[in-house]
PDB file of N, CA and C in Angstrom:
ATOM      1  N   UNK A   1     -15.189  -2.879 -16.942  1.00  0.00           N
ATOM      2  CA  UNK A   1     -13.790  -2.963 -16.471  1.00  0.00           C
ATOM      3  C   UNK A   1     -13.827  -3.519 -14.948  1.00  0.00           C
ATOM      4  N   UNK A   2     -12.806  -4.122 -14.740  1.00  0.00           N
ATOM      5  CA  UNK A   2     -12.548  -4.664 -13.389  1.00  0.00           C
ATOM      6  C   UNK A   2     -11.157  -4.262 -12.848  1.00  0.00           C
ATOM      7  N   UNK A   3     -11.163  -3.638 -11.676  1.00  0.00           N
ATOM      8  CA  UNK A   3      -9.893  -3.128 -11.102  1.00  0.00           C
ATOM      9  C   UNK A   3      -9.228  -4.326 -10.438  1.00  0.00           C
ATOM     10  N   UNK A   4      -8.340  -4.985 -11.042  1.00  0.00           N
ATOM     11  CA  UNK A   4      -7.676  -6.118 -10.322  1.00  0.00           C
ATOM     12  C   UNK A   4      -6.937  -5.834  -9.053  1.00  0.00           C
ATOM     13  N   UNK A   5      -6.706  -4.584  -8.803  1.00  0.00           N
ATOM     14  CA  UNK A   5      -5.994  -4.211  -7.586  1.00  0.00           C
ATOM     15  C   UNK A   5      -6.896  -4.197  -6.340  1.00  0.00           C
ATOM     16  N   UNK A   6      -8.199  -4.068  -6.640  1.00  0.00           N
ATOM     17  CA  UNK A   6      -9.231  -3.813  -5.555  1.00  0.00           C
ATOM     18  C   UNK A   6     -10.324  -4.923  -5.574  1.00  0.00           C
ATOM     19  N   UNK A   7     -10.311  -5.707  -6.567  1.00  0.00           N
ATOM     20  CA  UNK A   7     -11.421  -6.676  -6.725  1.00  0.00           C
ATOM     21  C   UNK A   7     -10.811  -8.118  -7.088  1.00  0.00           C
ATOM     22  N   UNK A   8     -11.510  -9.206  -6.792  1.00  0.00           N
ATOM     23  CA  UNK A   8     -11.103 -10.468  -7.156  1.00  0.00           C
ATOM     24  C   UNK A   8     -11.638 -10.640  -8.588  1.00  0.00           C
ATOM     25  N   UNK A   9     -10.721 -10.708  -9.619  1.00  0.00           N
ATOM     26  CA  UNK A   9     -11.204 -10.801 -10.961  1.00  0.00           C
ATOM     27  C   UNK A   9     -11.953 -11.929 -11.239  1.00  0.00           C
ATOM     28  N   UNK A  10     -11.616 -13.122 -10.752  1.00  0.00           N
ATOM     29  CA  UNK A  10     -12.351 -14.329 -11.011  1.00  0.00           C
ATOM     30  C   UNK A  10     -13.707 -14.302 -10.412  1.00  0.00           C
ATOM     31  N   UNK A  11     -13.835 -13.900  -9.243  1.00  0.00           N
ATOM     32  CA  UNK A  11     -15.050 -13.764  -8.507  1.00  0.00           C
ATOM     33  C   UNK A  11     -16.009 -12.798  -9.263  1.00  0.00           C
ATOM     34  N   UNK A  12     -15.578 -11.623  -9.677  1.00  0.00           N
ATOM     35  CA  UNK A  12     -16.412 -10.719 -10.369  1.00  0.00           C
ATOM     36  C   UNK A  12     -16.866 -11.278 -11.710  1.00  0.00           C
ATOM     37  N   UNK A  13     -15.946 -11.893 -12.484  1.00  0.00           N
ATOM     38  CA  UNK A  13     -16.240 -12.451 -13.822  1.00  0.00           C
ATOM     39  C   UNK A  13     -17.291 -13.487 -13.672  1.00  0.00           C
ATOM     40  N   UNK A  14     -17.084 -14.431 -12.713  1.00  0.00           N
ATOM     41  CA  UNK A  14     -18.078 -15.528 -12.581  1.00  0.00           C
ATOM     42  C   UNK A  14     -19.427 -14.886 -12.102  1.00  0.00           C
ATOM     43  N   UNK A  15     -19.385 -13.875 -11.245  1.00  0.00           N
ATOM     44  CA  UNK A  15     -20.557 -13.261 -10.832  1.00  0.00           C
ATOM     45  C   UNK A  15     -21.388 -12.597 -11.974  1.00  0.00           C
ATOM     46  N   UNK A  16     -20.678 -11.895 -12.877  1.00  0.00           N
ATOM     47  CA  UNK A  16     -21.284 -11.247 -13.896  1.00  0.00           C
ATOM     48  C   UNK A  16     -21.823 -12.219 -15.053  1.00  0.00           C
ATOM     49  N   UNK A  17     -21.244 -13.378 -15.140  1.00  0.00           N
ATOM     50  CA  UNK A  17     -21.612 -14.311 -16.139  1.00  0.00           C
ATOM     51  C   UNK A  17     -22.466 -15.464 -15.544  1.00  0.00           C
ATOM     52  N   UNK A  18     -22.875 -15.262 -14.366  1.00  0.00           N
ATOM     53  CA  UNK A  18     -23.792 -16.330 -13.751  1.00  0.00           C
ATOM     54  C   UNK A  18     -23.032 -17.692 -13.667  1.00  0.00           C
ATOM     55  N   UNK A  19     -21.698 -17.625 -13.306  1.00  0.00           N
ATOM     56  CA  UNK A  19     -20.941 -18.865 -13.310  1.00  0.00           C
ATOM     57  C   UNK A  19     -20.435 -19.401 -14.530  1.00  0.00           C
ATOM     58  N   UNK A  20     -20.678 -18.917 -15.699  1.00  0.00           N
ATOM     59  CA  UNK A  20     -20.247 -19.452 -16.932  1.00  0.00           C
ATOM     60  C   UNK A  20     -18.825 -19.134 -17.190  1.00  0.00           C
ATOM     61  N   UNK A  21     -18.400 -17.941 -16.937  1.00  0.00           N
ATOM     62  CA  UNK A  21     -16.999 -17.566 -17.238  1.00  0.00           C
ATOM     63  C   UNK A  21     -16.984 -16.705 -18.487  1.00  0.00           C
ATOM     64  N   UNK A  22     -15.880 -15.998 -18.695  1.00  0.00           N
ATOM     65  CA  UNK A  22     -15.772 -15.149 -19.838  1.00  0.00           C
ATOM     66  C   UNK A  22     -15.479 -15.881 -21.126  1.00  0.00           C
ATOM     67  N   UNK A  23     -16.014 -15.466 -22.236  1.00  0.00           N
ATOM     68  CA  UNK A  23     -15.848 -15.956 -23.535  1.00  0.00           C
ATOM     69  C   UNK A  23     -14.416 -15.539 -23.995  1.00  0.00           C
ATOM     70  N   UNK A  24     -13.929 -14.329 -23.645  1.00  0.00           N
ATOM     71  CA  UNK A  24     -12.730 -13.755 -24.154  1.00  0.00           C
ATOM     72  C   UNK A  24     -12.073 -12.981 -23.059  1.00  0.00           C
ATOM     73  N   UNK A  25     -10.727 -13.268 -22.942  1.00  0.00           N
ATOM     74  CA  UNK A  25      -9.823 -12.433 -22.041  1.00  0.00           C
ATOM     75  C   UNK A  25      -8.811 -11.787 -22.935  1.00  0.00           C
ATOM     76  N   UNK A  26      -8.698 -10.442 -22.888  1.00  0.00           N
ATOM     77  CA  UNK A  26      -7.775  -9.616 -23.624  1.00  0.00           C
ATOM     78  C   UNK A  26      -6.815  -9.095 -22.655  1.00  0.00           C
ATOM     79  N   UNK A  27      -5.496  -9.303 -22.828  1.00  0.00           N
ATOM     80  CA  UNK A  27      -4.527  -8.725 -21.745  1.00  0.00           C
ATOM     81  C   UNK A  27      -3.366  -8.058 -22.513  1.00  0.00           C
ATOM     82  N   UNK A  28      -3.359  -6.708 -22.535  1.00  0.00           N
ATOM     83  CA  UNK A  28      -2.044  -6.072 -23.142  1.00  0.00           C
ATOM     84  C   UNK A  28      -1.015  -5.773 -22.078  1.00  0.00           C
ATOM     85  N   UNK A  29      -1.299  -6.090 -20.839  1.00  0.00           N
ATOM     86  CA  UNK A  29      -0.385  -5.779 -19.775  1.00  0.00           C
ATOM     87  C   UNK A  29       0.586  -6.872 -19.443  1.00  0.00           C
ATOM     88  N   UNK A  30       0.084  -7.927 -19.424  1.00  0.00           N
ATOM     89  CA  UNK A  30       1.030  -9.247 -19.154  1.00  0.00           C
ATOM     90  C   UNK A  30       1.061  -9.688 -17.629  1.00  0.00           C
ATOM     91  N   UNK A  31       1.299  -8.730 -16.871  1.00  0.00           N
ATOM     92  CA  UNK A  31       1.466  -9.184 -15.432  1.00  0.00           C
ATOM     93  C   UNK A  31       0.114  -9.389 -14.760  1.00  0.00           C
ATOM     94  N   UNK A  32      -1.006  -9.098 -15.413  1.00  0.00           N
ATOM     95  CA  UNK A  32      -2.402  -9.250 -14.804  1.00  0.00           C
ATOM     96  C   UNK A  32      -2.987 -10.485 -15.424  1.00  0.00           C
ATOM     97  N   UNK A  33      -2.455 -11.214 -16.238  1.00  0.00           N
ATOM     98  CA  UNK A  33      -3.117 -12.404 -17.022  1.00  0.00           C
ATOM     99  C   UNK A  33      -3.444 -13.493 -16.025  1.00  0.00           C
ATOM    100  N   UNK A  34      -2.784 -13.729 -15.082  1.00  0.00           N
ATOM    101  CA  UNK A  34      -3.047 -14.927 -14.182  1.00  0.00           C
ATOM    102  C   UNK A  34      -4.354 -15.017 -13.658  1.00  0.00           C
ATOM    103  N   UNK A  35      -4.804 -13.886 -12.976  1.00  0.00           N
ATOM    104  CA  UNK A  35      -6.143 -13.868 -12.367  1.00  0.00           C
ATOM    105  C   UNK A  35      -7.303 -14.057 -13.296  1.00  0.00           C
ATOM    106  N   UNK A  36      -7.291 -13.467 -14.509  1.00  0.00           N
ATOM    107  CA  UNK A  36      -8.506 -13.715 -15.457  1.00  0.00           C
ATOM    108  C   UNK A  36      -8.614 -15.109 -15.950  1.00  0.00           C
ATOM    109  N   UNK A  37      -7.624 -15.855 -15.906  1.00  0.00           N
ATOM    110  CA  UNK A  37      -7.704 -17.238 -16.482  1.00  0.00           C
ATOM    111  C   UNK A  37      -8.659 -18.109 -15.602  1.00  0.00           C
ATOM    112  N   UNK A  38      -8.746 -17.774 -14.236  1.00  0.00           N
ATOM    113  CA  UNK A  38      -9.726 -18.420 -13.515  1.00  0.00           C
ATOM    114  C   UNK A  38     -11.209 -18.198 -13.880  1.00  0.00           C
ATOM    115  N   UNK A  39     -11.441 -17.064 -14.530  1.00  0.00           N
ATOM    116  CA  UNK A  39     -12.716 -16.778 -14.937  1.00  0.00           C
ATOM    117  C   UNK A  39     -13.013 -17.028 -16.424  1.00  0.00           C
ATOM    118  N   UNK A  40     -12.120 -17.773 -17.009  1.00  0.00           N
ATOM    119  CA  UNK A  40     -12.288 -18.109 -18.418  1.00  0.00           C
ATOM    120  C   UNK A  40     -13.274 -19.309 -18.477  1.00  0.00           C
ATOM    121  N   UNK A  41     -14.262 -19.323 -19.395  1.00  0.00           N
ATOM    122  CA  UNK A  41     -15.079 -20.331 -19.522  1.00  0.00           C
ATOM    123  C   UNK A  41     -14.400 -21.511 -20.305  1.00  0.00           C
ATOM    124  N   UNK A  42     -14.927 -22.798 -20.275  1.00  0.00           N
ATOM    125  CA  UNK A  42     -14.392 -23.875 -21.100  1.00  0.00           C
ATOM    126  C   UNK A  42     -14.469 -23.413 -22.571  1.00  0.00           C
ATOM    127  N   UNK A  43     -13.487 -23.562 -23.349  1.00  0.00           N
ATOM    128  CA  UNK A  43     -13.306 -23.228 -24.765  1.00  0.00           C
ATOM    129  C   UNK A  43     -13.365 -21.735 -25.055  1.00  0.00           C
ATOM    130  N   UNK A  44     -13.065 -21.018 -23.935  1.00  0.00           N
ATOM    131  CA  UNK A  44     -12.998 -19.543 -24.063  1.00  0.00           C
ATOM    132  C   UNK A  44     -11.694 -19.216 -24.714  1.00  0.00           C
ATOM    133  N   UNK A  45     -11.454 -17.923 -25.059  1.00  0.00           N
ATOM    134  CA  UNK A  45     -10.192 -17.563 -25.830  1.00  0.00           C
ATOM    135  C   UNK A  45      -9.391 -16.515 -24.969  1.00  0.00           C
ATOM    136  N   UNK A  46      -8.107 -16.579 -25.151  1.00  0.00           N
ATOM    137  CA  UNK A  46      -7.174 -15.631 -24.486  1.00  0.00           C
ATOM    138  C   UNK A  46      -6.495 -14.952 -25.550  1.00  0.00           C
ATOM    139  N   UNK A  47      -6.447 -13.575 -25.575  1.00  0.00           N
ATOM    140  CA  UNK A  47      -5.542 -12.904 -26.507  1.00  0.00           C
ATOM    141  C   UNK A  47      -4.558 -12.123 -25.604  1.00  0.00           C
ATOM    142  N   UNK A  48      -3.352 -12.498 -25.725  1.00  0.00           N
ATOM    143  CA  UNK A  48      -2.317 -11.873 -24.831  1.00  0.00           C
ATOM    144  C   UNK A  48      -1.348 -11.227 -25.844  1.00  0.00           C
ATOM    145  N   UNK A  49      -1.069  -9.905 -25.671  1.00  0.00           N
ATOM    146  CA  UNK A  49      -0.092  -9.299 -26.454  1.00  0.00           C
ATOM    147  C   UNK A  49       0.547  -8.119 -25.695  1.00  0.00           C
ATOM    148  N   UNK A  50       1.719  -7.952 -25.969  1.00  0.00           N
ATOM    149  CA  UNK A  50       2.519  -6.948 -25.288  1.00  0.00           C
ATOM    150  C   UNK A  50       2.858  -7.236 -23.881  1.00  0.00           C
ATOM    151  N   UNK A  51       3.570  -6.300 -23.314  1.00  0.00           N
ATOM    152  CA  UNK A  51       4.021  -6.436 -21.827  1.00  0.00           C
ATOM    153  C   UNK A  51       4.142  -5.046 -21.319  1.00  0.00           C
ATOM    154  N   UNK A  52       3.070  -4.430 -21.216  1.00  0.00           N
ATOM    155  CA  UNK A  52       2.960  -2.992 -20.709  1.00  0.00           C
ATOM    156  C   UNK A  52       3.334  -2.962 -19.159  1.00  0.00           C
ATOM    157  N   UNK A  53       3.142  -4.118 -18.487  1.00  0.00           N
ATOM    158  CA  UNK A  53       3.641  -4.189 -17.108  1.00  0.00           C
ATOM    159  C   UNK A  53       5.179  -4.297 -16.899  1.00  0.00           C
ATOM    160  N   UNK A  54       5.841  -4.740 -18.091  1.00  0.00           N
ATOM    161  CA  UNK A  54       7.208  -4.792 -18.074  1.00  0.00           C
ATOM    162  C   UNK A  54       7.849  -5.822 -16.905  1.00  0.00           C
ATOM    163  N   UNK A  55       7.111  -6.770 -16.777  1.00  0.00           N
ATOM    164  CA  UNK A  55       7.496  -7.782 -15.744  1.00  0.00           C
ATOM    165  C   UNK A  55       7.674  -9.072 -16.314  1.00  0.00           C
ATOM    166  N   UNK A  56       8.460  -9.994 -15.643  1.00  0.00           N
ATOM    167  CA  UNK A  56       8.658 -11.354 -16.158  1.00  0.00           C
ATOM    168  C   UNK A  56       7.395 -12.099 -15.836  1.00  0.00           C
ATOM    169  N   UNK A  57       6.772 -12.724 -16.749  1.00  0.00           N
ATOM    170  CA  UNK A  57       5.444 -13.541 -16.632  1.00  0.00           C
ATOM    171  C   UNK A  57       5.831 -14.978 -16.480  1.00  0.00           C
ATOM    172  N   UNK A  58       5.362 -15.460 -15.363  1.00  0.00           N
ATOM    173  CA  UNK A  58       5.476 -16.937 -15.157  1.00  0.00           C
ATOM    174  C   UNK A  58       4.075 -17.434 -15.042  1.00  0.00           C
ATOM    175  N   UNK A  59       3.568 -18.095 -16.034  1.00  0.00           N
ATOM    176  CA  UNK A  59       2.238 -18.474 -16.147  1.00  0.00           C
ATOM    177  C   UNK A  59       2.060 -19.927 -16.428  1.00  0.00           C
ATOM    178  N   UNK A  60       1.253 -20.749 -15.726  1.00  0.00           N
ATOM    179  CA  UNK A  60       0.927 -22.085 -15.975  1.00  0.00           C
ATOM    180  C   UNK A  60      -0.276 -22.047 -16.893  1.00  0.00           C
ATOM    181  N   UNK A  61      -0.161 -22.385 -18.088  1.00  0.00           N
ATOM    182  CA  UNK A  61      -1.398 -22.416 -18.975  1.00  0.00           C
ATOM    183  C   UNK A  61      -2.071 -23.792 -18.984  1.00  0.00           C
ATOM    184  N   UNK A  62      -1.540 -24.785 -18.335  1.00  0.00           N
ATOM    185  CA  UNK A  62      -2.190 -26.088 -18.274  1.00  0.00           C
ATOM    186  C   UNK A  62      -3.607 -26.016 -17.781  1.00  0.00           C
ATOM    187  N   UNK A  63      -4.025 -25.305 -16.713  1.00  0.00           N
ATOM    188  CA  UNK A  63      -5.511 -25.302 -16.456  1.00  0.00           C
ATOM    189  C   UNK A  63      -6.399 -24.842 -17.592  1.00  0.00           C
ATOM    190  N   UNK A  64      -5.879 -23.869 -18.379  1.00  0.00           N
ATOM    191  CA  UNK A  64      -6.696 -23.274 -19.449  1.00  0.00           C
ATOM    192  C   UNK A  64      -6.668 -24.263 -20.550  1.00  0.00           C
ATOM    193  N   UNK A  65      -5.538 -24.900 -20.834  1.00  0.00           N
ATOM    194  CA  UNK A  65      -5.502 -25.936 -21.952  1.00  0.00           C
ATOM    195  C   UNK A  65      -6.403 -27.092 -21.657  1.00  0.00           C
ATOM    196  N   UNK A  66      -6.487 -27.431 -20.392  1.00  0.00           N
ATOM    197  CA  UNK A  66      -7.454 -28.608 -19.989  1.00  0.00           C
ATOM    198  C   UNK A  66      -8.807 -28.296 -20.237  1.00  0.00           C
ATOM    199  N   UNK A  67      -9.175 -26.949 -20.165  1.00  0.00           N
ATOM    200  CA  UNK A  67     -10.543 -26.563 -20.481  1.00  0.00           C
ATOM    201  C   UNK A  67     -10.851 -26.304 -21.959  1.00  0.00           C
ATOM    202  N   UNK A  68      -9.846 -26.603 -22.793  1.00  0.00           N
ATOM    203  CA  UNK A  68      -9.851 -26.358 -24.244  1.00  0.00           C
ATOM    204  C   UNK A  68      -9.895 -24.937 -24.479  1.00  0.00           C
TER     205      UNK A  68
END
């Protein structure tokens, strides 16, 4: 688990995966999805469901789509 409030999610993920990025990002909250996309490996998967954060999500998925 990574506490997005006190840690840089992308930095931690890339450190844990030796720079490769995560194979899978699962986000049931919604408002926290932006940060993990930076640590997603090319051809990685994102599972986004729910909106437990109850916020409006403005997300640019183009960088993730470019990495397949």
